[in-house]
Amino acid sequence: MISRRTFLSILFASCISLISWLNFTPAADALGGKLPAINQPAPEFTLPTNTGNGKISLSDLRGKWLVLYFYPKDFT
């Protein structure tokens, strides 16, 4: 008879293998387009808020501290 600990270890490993095989990570959709120029002001953009109750634009944040990072190799 198999011990409960061994059974749970095998079950856990099987679940991890299944999840990685099914690849539940959502696919990233690259928007493409022109990359922003290096050492130049960021282009104007508007995005939905993370709460989904509106939008925010880069111009809304003028005069405030902001860290904006582009990942050009991820097409974001």
PDB file of N, CA and C in Angstrom:
ATOM      1  N   MET A   1       0.845  -1.181   0.000  1.00  0.00           N
ATOM      2  CA  MET A   1       0.000   0.000   0.000  1.00  0.00           C
ATOM      3  C   MET A   1       0.888   1.241   0.000  1.00  0.00           C
ATOM      4  N   ILE A   2       0.493   2.244  -0.750  1.00  0.00           N
ATOM      5  CA  ILE A   2       1.267   3.481  -0.893  1.00  0.00           C
ATOM      6  C   ILE A   2       0.894   4.451   0.234  1.00  0.00           C
ATOM      7  N   SER A   3       1.906   5.151   0.751  1.00  0.00           N
ATOM      8  CA  SER A   3       1.624   6.076   1.845  1.00  0.00           C
ATOM      9  C   SER A   3       0.902   7.330   1.320  1.00  0.00           C
ATOM     10  N   ARG A   4       0.218   7.980   2.205  1.00  0.00           N
ATOM     11  CA  ARG A   4      -0.532   9.181   1.827  1.00  0.00           C
ATOM     12  C   ARG A   4       0.425  10.258   1.302  1.00  0.00           C
ATOM     13  N   ARG A   5       1.581  10.386   1.940  1.00  0.00           N
ATOM     14  CA  ARG A   5       2.559  11.400   1.535  1.00  0.00           C
ATOM     15  C   ARG A   5       3.075  11.124   0.122  1.00  0.00           C
ATOM     16  N   THR A   6       3.385   9.879  -0.170  1.00  0.00           N
ATOM     17  CA  THR A   6       3.858   9.512  -1.510  1.00  0.00           C
ATOM     18  C   THR A   6       2.768   9.741  -2.538  1.00  0.00           C
ATOM     19  N   PHE A   7       1.544   9.356  -2.208  1.00  0.00           N
ATOM     20  CA  PHE A   7       0.420   9.560  -3.114  1.00  0.00           C
ATOM     21  C   PHE A   7       0.240  11.034  -3.444  1.00  0.00           C
ATOM     22  N   LEU A   8       0.278  11.895  -2.407  1.00  0.00           N
ATOM     23  CA  LEU A   8       0.102  13.329  -2.637  1.00  0.00           C
ATOM     24  C   LEU A   8       1.255  13.912  -3.441  1.00  0.00           C
ATOM     25  N   SER A   9       2.467  13.422  -3.209  1.00  0.00           N
ATOM     26  CA  SER A   9       3.627  13.889  -3.987  1.00  0.00           C
ATOM     27  C   SER A   9       3.467  13.538  -5.465  1.00  0.00           C
ATOM     28  N   ILE A  10       3.042  12.327  -5.736  1.00  0.00           N
ATOM     29  CA  ILE A  10       2.836  11.890  -7.121  1.00  0.00           C
ATOM     30  C   ILE A  10       1.693  12.687  -7.760  1.00  0.00           C
ATOM     31  N   LEU A  11       0.626  12.879  -7.011  1.00  0.00           N
ATOM     32  CA  LEU A  11      -0.516  13.636  -7.517  1.00  0.00           C
ATOM     33  C   LEU A  11      -0.119  15.068  -7.835  1.00  0.00           C
ATOM     34  N   PHE A  12       0.619  15.708  -6.931  1.00  0.00           N
ATOM     35  CA  PHE A  12       1.065  17.076  -7.131  1.00  0.00           C
ATOM     36  C   PHE A  12       1.963  17.181  -8.357  1.00  0.00           C
ATOM     37  N   ALA A  13       2.924  16.286  -8.482  1.00  0.00           N
ATOM     38  CA  ALA A  13       3.831  16.294  -9.633  1.00  0.00           C
ATOM     39  C   ALA A  13       3.065  16.081 -10.935  1.00  0.00           C
ATOM     40  N   SER A  14       2.068  15.213 -10.908  1.00  0.00           N
ATOM     41  CA  SER A  14       1.250  14.967 -12.097  1.00  0.00           C
ATOM     42  C   SER A  14       0.462  16.208 -12.491  1.00  0.00           C
ATOM     43  N   CYS A  15      -0.079  16.895 -11.500  1.00  0.00           N
ATOM     44  CA  CYS A  15      -0.849  18.116 -11.780  1.00  0.00           C
ATOM     45  C   CYS A  15       0.046  19.191 -12.375  1.00  0.00           C
ATOM     46  N   ILE A  16       1.230  19.357 -11.822  1.00  0.00           N
ATOM     47  CA  ILE A  16       2.173  20.348 -12.349  1.00  0.00           C
ATOM     48  C   ILE A  16       2.541  20.002 -13.782  1.00  0.00           C
ATOM     49  N   SER A  17       2.794  18.746 -14.059  1.00  0.00           N
ATOM     50  CA  SER A  17       3.131  18.323 -15.411  1.00  0.00           C
ATOM     51  C   SER A  17       1.977  18.588 -16.370  1.00  0.00           C
ATOM     52  N   LEU A  18       0.772  18.296 -15.928  1.00  0.00           N
ATOM     53  CA  LEU A  18      -0.407  18.511 -16.766  1.00  0.00           C
ATOM     54  C   LEU A  18      -0.605  19.990 -17.053  1.00  0.00           C
ATOM     55  N   ILE A  19      -0.456  20.818 -16.038  1.00  0.00           N
ATOM     56  CA  ILE A  19      -0.634  22.260 -16.226  1.00  0.00           C
ATOM     57  C   ILE A  19       0.412  22.806 -17.187  1.00  0.00           C
ATOM     58  N   SER A  20       1.666  22.409 -17.018  1.00  0.00           N
ATOM     59  CA  SER A  20       2.698  22.908 -17.926  1.00  0.00           C
ATOM     60  C   SER A  20       2.487  22.366 -19.339  1.00  0.00           C
ATOM     61  N   TRP A  21       1.966  21.159 -19.460  1.00  0.00           N
ATOM     62  CA  TRP A  21       1.704  20.593 -20.782  1.00  0.00           C
ATOM     63  C   TRP A  21       0.565  21.330 -21.470  1.00  0.00           C
ATOM     64  N   LEU A  22      -0.476  21.665 -20.710  1.00  0.00           N
ATOM     65  CA  LEU A  22      -1.610  22.378 -21.294  1.00  0.00           C
ATOM     66  C   LEU A  22      -1.302  23.851 -21.549  1.00  0.00           C
ATOM     67  N   ASN A  23      -0.302  24.384 -20.858  1.00  0.00           N
ATOM     68  CA  ASN A  23       0.140  25.767 -21.015  1.00  0.00           C
ATOM     69  C   ASN A  23      -1.022  26.731 -20.836  1.00  0.00           C
ATOM     70  N   PHE A  24      -1.412  26.941 -19.587  1.00  0.00           N
ATOM     71  CA  PHE A  24      -2.527  27.828 -19.277  1.00  0.00           C
ATOM     72  C   PHE A  24      -2.185  29.311 -19.356  1.00  0.00           C
ATOM     73  N   THR A  25      -0.940  29.658 -19.644  1.00  0.00           N
ATOM     74  CA  THR A  25      -0.597  31.071 -19.725  1.00  0.00           C
ATOM     75  C   THR A  25      -1.237  31.674 -20.967  1.00  0.00           C
ATOM     76  N   PRO A  26      -1.863  32.831 -20.816  1.00  0.00           N
ATOM     77  CA  PRO A  26      -2.511  33.441 -21.966  1.00  0.00           C
ATOM     78  C   PRO A  26      -1.473  33.919 -22.981  1.00  0.00           C
ATOM     79  N   ALA A  27      -1.828  33.827 -24.217  1.00  0.00           N
ATOM     80  CA  ALA A  27      -0.931  34.280 -25.274  1.00  0.00           C
ATOM     81  C   ALA A  27      -0.905  35.802 -25.308  1.00  0.00           C
ATOM     82  N   ALA A  28       0.267  36.352 -25.525  1.00  0.00           N
ATOM     83  CA  ALA A  28       0.403  37.805 -25.627  1.00  0.00           C
ATOM     84  C   ALA A  28       0.152  38.204 -27.072  1.00  0.00           C
ATOM     85  N   ASP A  29      -0.679  39.185 -27.248  1.00  0.00           N
ATOM     86  CA  ASP A  29      -0.954  39.692 -28.582  1.00  0.00           C
ATOM     87  C   ASP A  29      -0.084  40.915 -28.829  1.00  0.00           C
ATOM     88  N   ALA A  30       0.853  40.792 -29.753  1.00  0.00           N
ATOM     89  CA  ALA A  30       1.726  41.908 -30.077  1.00  0.00           C
ATOM     90  C   ALA A  30       0.957  42.894 -30.953  1.00  0.00           C
ATOM     91  N   LEU A  31       1.039  44.146 -30.584  1.00  0.00           N
ATOM     92  CA  LEU A  31       0.362  45.173 -31.363  1.00  0.00           C
ATOM     93  C   LEU A  31       1.198  45.614 -32.546  1.00  0.00           C
ATOM     94  N   GLY A  32       2.491  45.335 -32.475  1.00  0.00           N
ATOM     95  CA  GLY A  32       3.367  45.757 -33.556  1.00  0.00           C
ATOM     96  C   GLY A  32       3.463  47.270 -33.596  1.00  0.00           C
ATOM     97  N   GLY A  33       3.695  47.795 -34.757  1.00  0.00           N
ATOM     98  CA  GLY A  33       3.778  49.245 -34.880  1.00  0.00           C
ATOM     99  C   GLY A  33       5.189  49.738 -34.635  1.00  0.00           C
ATOM    100  N   LYS A  34       5.313  51.047 -34.648  1.00  0.00           N
ATOM    101  CA  LYS A  34       6.607  51.696 -34.508  1.00  0.00           C
ATOM    102  C   LYS A  34       7.025  51.756 -33.040  1.00  0.00           C
ATOM    103  N   LEU A  35       8.260  51.390 -32.766  1.00  0.00           N
ATOM    104  CA  LEU A  35       8.788  51.463 -31.413  1.00  0.00           C
ATOM    105  C   LEU A  35       9.103  52.906 -31.059  1.00  0.00           C
ATOM    106  N   PRO A  36       8.954  53.281 -29.789  1.00  0.00           N
ATOM    107  CA  PRO A  36       9.298  54.642 -29.390  1.00  0.00           C
ATOM    108  C   PRO A  36      10.803  54.879 -29.540  1.00  0.00           C
ATOM    109  N   ALA A  37      11.157  56.098 -29.877  1.00  0.00           N
ATOM    110  CA  ALA A  37      12.566  56.454 -30.058  1.00  0.00           C
ATOM    111  C   ALA A  37      13.269  56.499 -28.701  1.00  0.00           C
ATOM    112  N   ILE A  38      14.528  56.123 -28.697  1.00  0.00           N
ATOM    113  CA  ILE A  38      15.326  56.137 -27.468  1.00  0.00           C
ATOM    114  C   ILE A  38      15.669  57.580 -27.108  1.00  0.00           C
ATOM    115  N   ASN A  39      15.618  57.885 -25.812  1.00  0.00           N
ATOM    116  CA  ASN A  39      15.934  59.213 -25.272  1.00  0.00           C
ATOM    117  C   ASN A  39      15.025  60.308 -25.804  1.00  0.00           C
ATOM    118  N   GLN A  40      13.802  59.956 -26.131  1.00  0.00           N
ATOM    119  CA  GLN A  40      12.808  60.919 -26.585  1.00  0.00           C
ATOM    120  C   GLN A  40      11.587  60.817 -25.684  1.00  0.00           C
ATOM    121  N   PRO A  41      10.767  61.862 -25.634  1.00  0.00           N
ATOM    122  CA  PRO A  41       9.549  61.771 -24.820  1.00  0.00           C
ATOM    123  C   PRO A  41       8.673  60.598 -25.267  1.00  0.00           C
ATOM    124  N   ALA A  42       7.994  60.013 -24.313  1.00  0.00           N
ATOM    125  CA  ALA A  42       7.101  58.882 -24.611  1.00  0.00           C
ATOM    126  C   ALA A  42       5.954  59.356 -25.495  1.00  0.00           C
ATOM    127  N   PRO A  43       5.502  58.512 -26.398  1.00  0.00           N
ATOM    128  CA  PRO A  43       4.356  58.885 -27.226  1.00  0.00           C
ATOM    129  C   PRO A  43       3.075  58.939 -26.393  1.00  0.00           C
ATOM    130  N   GLU A  44       2.147  59.761 -26.781  1.00  0.00           N
ATOM    131  CA  GLU A  44       0.860  59.872 -26.085  1.00  0.00           C
ATOM    132  C   GLU A  44       0.094  58.562 -26.255  1.00  0.00           C
ATOM    133  N   PHE A  45      -0.541  58.103 -25.179  1.00  0.00           N
ATOM    134  CA  PHE A  45      -1.367  56.898 -25.249  1.00  0.00           C
ATOM    135  C   PHE A  45      -2.460  56.976 -24.202  1.00  0.00           C
ATOM    136  N   THR A  46      -3.499  56.189 -24.417  1.00  0.00           N
ATOM    137  CA  THR A  46      -4.623  56.061 -23.483  1.00  0.00           C
ATOM    138  C   THR A  46      -4.900  54.585 -23.297  1.00  0.00           C
ATOM    139  N   LEU A  47      -5.042  54.177 -22.029  1.00  0.00           N
ATOM    140  CA  LEU A  47      -5.279  52.770 -21.702  1.00  0.00           C
ATOM    141  C   LEU A  47      -6.410  52.661 -20.695  1.00  0.00           C
ATOM    142  N   PRO A  48      -7.102  51.514 -20.648  1.00  0.00           N
ATOM    143  CA  PRO A  48      -8.115  51.316 -19.605  1.00  0.00           C
ATOM    144  C   PRO A  48      -7.437  51.173 -18.243  1.00  0.00           C
ATOM    145  N   THR A  49      -8.123  51.604 -17.203  1.00  0.00           N
ATOM    146  CA  THR A  49      -7.575  51.454 -15.850  1.00  0.00           C
ATOM    147  C   THR A  49      -7.636  49.998 -15.432  1.00  0.00           C
ATOM    148  N   ASN A  50      -6.875  49.655 -14.399  1.00  0.00           N
ATOM    149  CA  ASN A  50      -6.867  48.266 -13.947  1.00  0.00           C
ATOM    150  C   ASN A  50      -8.155  47.890 -13.224  1.00  0.00           C
ATOM    151  N   THR A  51      -8.967  48.864 -12.849  1.00  0.00           N
ATOM    152  CA  THR A  51     -10.252  48.568 -12.220  1.00  0.00           C
ATOM    153  C   THR A  51     -11.375  48.491 -13.245  1.00  0.00           C
ATOM    154  N   GLY A  52     -11.091  48.918 -14.474  1.00  0.00           N
ATOM    155  CA  GLY A  52     -12.085  48.841 -15.541  1.00  0.00           C
ATOM    156  C   GLY A  52     -13.132  49.930 -15.502  1.00  0.00           C
ATOM    157  N   ASN A  53     -12.942  50.958 -14.676  1.00  0.00           N
ATOM    158  CA  ASN A  53     -13.967  52.003 -14.587  1.00  0.00           C
ATOM    159  C   ASN A  53     -13.488  53.314 -15.203  1.00  0.00           C
ATOM    160  N   GLY A  54     -12.836  53.236 -16.317  1.00  0.00           N
ATOM    161  CA  GLY A  54     -12.392  54.444 -17.002  1.00  0.00           C
ATOM    162  C   GLY A  54     -11.108  54.210 -17.766  1.00  0.00           C
ATOM    163  N   LYS A  55     -10.548  55.322 -18.225  1.00  0.00           N
ATOM    164  CA  LYS A  55      -9.301  55.278 -18.980  1.00  0.00           C
ATOM    165  C   LYS A  55      -8.349  56.309 -18.405  1.00  0.00           C
ATOM    166  N   ILE A  56      -7.077  56.105 -18.669  1.00  0.00           N
ATOM    167  CA  ILE A  56      -6.069  57.058 -18.237  1.00  0.00           C
ATOM    168  C   ILE A  56      -5.123  57.293 -19.401  1.00  0.00           C
ATOM    169  N   SER A  57      -4.738  58.533 -19.563  1.00  0.00           N
ATOM    170  CA  SER A  57      -3.823  58.918 -20.632  1.00  0.00           C
ATOM    171  C   SER A  57      -2.517  59.395 -20.037  1.00  0.00           C
ATOM    172  N   LEU A  58      -1.487  59.321 -20.828  1.00  0.00           N
ATOM    173  CA  LEU A  58      -0.198  59.822 -20.378  1.00  0.00           C
ATOM    174  C   LEU A  58      -0.291  61.308 -20.053  1.00  0.00           C
ATOM    175  N   SER A  59      -1.064  62.054 -20.822  1.00  0.00           N
ATOM    176  CA  SER A  59      -1.207  63.492 -20.575  1.00  0.00           C
ATOM    177  C   SER A  59      -1.876  63.778 -19.231  1.00  0.00           C
ATOM    178  N   ASP A  60      -2.673  62.836 -18.692  1.00  0.00           N
ATOM    179  CA  ASP A  60      -3.299  63.010 -17.374  1.00  0.00           C
ATOM    180  C   ASP A  60      -2.266  63.050 -16.254  1.00  0.00           C
ATOM    181  N   LEU A  61      -1.083  62.526 -16.518  1.00  0.00           N
ATOM    182  CA  LEU A  61      -0.059  62.397 -15.486  1.00  0.00           C
ATOM    183  C   LEU A  61       1.063  63.426 -15.626  1.00  0.00           C
ATOM    184  N   ARG A  62       0.923  64.375 -16.543  1.00  0.00           N
ATOM    185  CA  ARG A  62       1.960  65.404 -16.709  1.00  0.00           C
ATOM    186  C   ARG A  62       2.154  66.167 -15.408  1.00  0.00           C
ATOM    187  N   GLY A  63       3.407  66.421 -15.067  1.00  0.00           N
ATOM    188  CA  GLY A  63       3.743  67.145 -13.858  1.00  0.00           C
ATOM    189  C   GLY A  63       3.836  66.258 -12.625  1.00  0.00           C
ATOM    190  N   LYS A  64       3.554  64.976 -12.772  1.00  0.00           N
ATOM    191  CA  LYS A  64       3.644  64.027 -11.659  1.00  0.00           C
ATOM    192  C   LYS A  64       4.795  63.064 -11.929  1.00  0.00           C
ATOM    193  N   TRP A  65       5.330  62.507 -10.853  1.00  0.00           N
ATOM    194  CA  TRP A  65       6.368  61.495 -11.013  1.00  0.00           C
ATOM    195  C   TRP A  65       5.758  60.246 -11.638  1.00  0.00           C
ATOM    196  N   LEU A  66       6.474  59.688 -12.604  1.00  0.00           N
ATOM    197  CA  LEU A  66       5.965  58.527 -13.324  1.00  0.00           C
ATOM    198  C   LEU A  66       7.143  57.692 -13.807  1.00  0.00           C
ATOM    199  N   VAL A  67       7.049  56.401 -13.614  1.00  0.00           N
ATOM    200  CA  VAL A  67       8.039  55.491 -14.192  1.00  0.00           C
ATOM    201  C   VAL A  67       7.331  54.766 -15.324  1.00  0.00           C
ATOM    202  N   LEU A  68       7.861  54.926 -16.505  1.00  0.00           N
ATOM    203  CA  LEU A  68       7.278  54.309 -17.689  1.00  0.00           C
ATOM    204  C   LEU A  68       8.368  53.493 -18.355  1.00  0.00           C
ATOM    205  N   TYR A  69       8.098  52.214 -18.552  1.00  0.00           N
ATOM    206  CA  TYR A  69       9.103  51.319 -19.099  1.00  0.00           C
ATOM    207  C   TYR A  69       8.513  50.581 -20.285  1.00  0.00           C
ATOM    208  N   PHE A  70       9.228  50.586 -21.384  1.00  0.00           N
ATOM    209  CA  PHE A  70       8.807  49.866 -22.584  1.00  0.00           C
ATOM    210  C   PHE A  70       9.625  48.588 -22.704  1.00  0.00           C
ATOM    211  N   TYR A  71       8.980  47.522 -23.090  1.00  0.00           N
ATOM    212  CA  TYR A  71       9.643  46.246 -23.327  1.00  0.00           C
ATOM    213  C   TYR A  71       9.660  45.995 -24.831  1.00  0.00           C
ATOM    214  N   PRO A  72      10.602  46.554 -25.559  1.00  0.00           N
ATOM    215  CA  PRO A  72      10.558  46.423 -27.016  1.00  0.00           C
ATOM    216  C   PRO A  72      10.695  44.998 -27.517  1.00  0.00           C
ATOM    217  N   LYS A  73      11.334  44.135 -26.764  1.00  0.00           N
ATOM    218  CA  LYS A  73      11.483  42.752 -27.229  1.00  0.00           C
ATOM    219  C   LYS A  73      10.225  41.937 -27.005  1.00  0.00           C
ATOM    220  N   ASP A  74       9.292  42.458 -26.186  1.00  0.00           N
ATOM    221  CA  ASP A  74       8.013  41.774 -25.949  1.00  0.00           C
ATOM    222  C   ASP A  74       6.888  42.390 -26.772  1.00  0.00           C
ATOM    223  N   PHE A  75       7.204  43.388 -27.580  1.00  0.00           N
ATOM    224  CA  PHE A  75       6.216  44.079 -28.408  1.00  0.00           C
ATOM    225  C   PHE A  75       5.112  44.715 -27.578  1.00  0.00           C
ATOM    226  N   THR A  76       5.476  45.253 -26.413  1.00  0.00           N
ATOM    227  CA  THR A  76       4.474  45.915 -25.595  1.00  0.00           C
ATOM    228  C   THR A  76       4.689  47.401 -25.574  1.00  0.00           C
TER     229      THR A  76
END
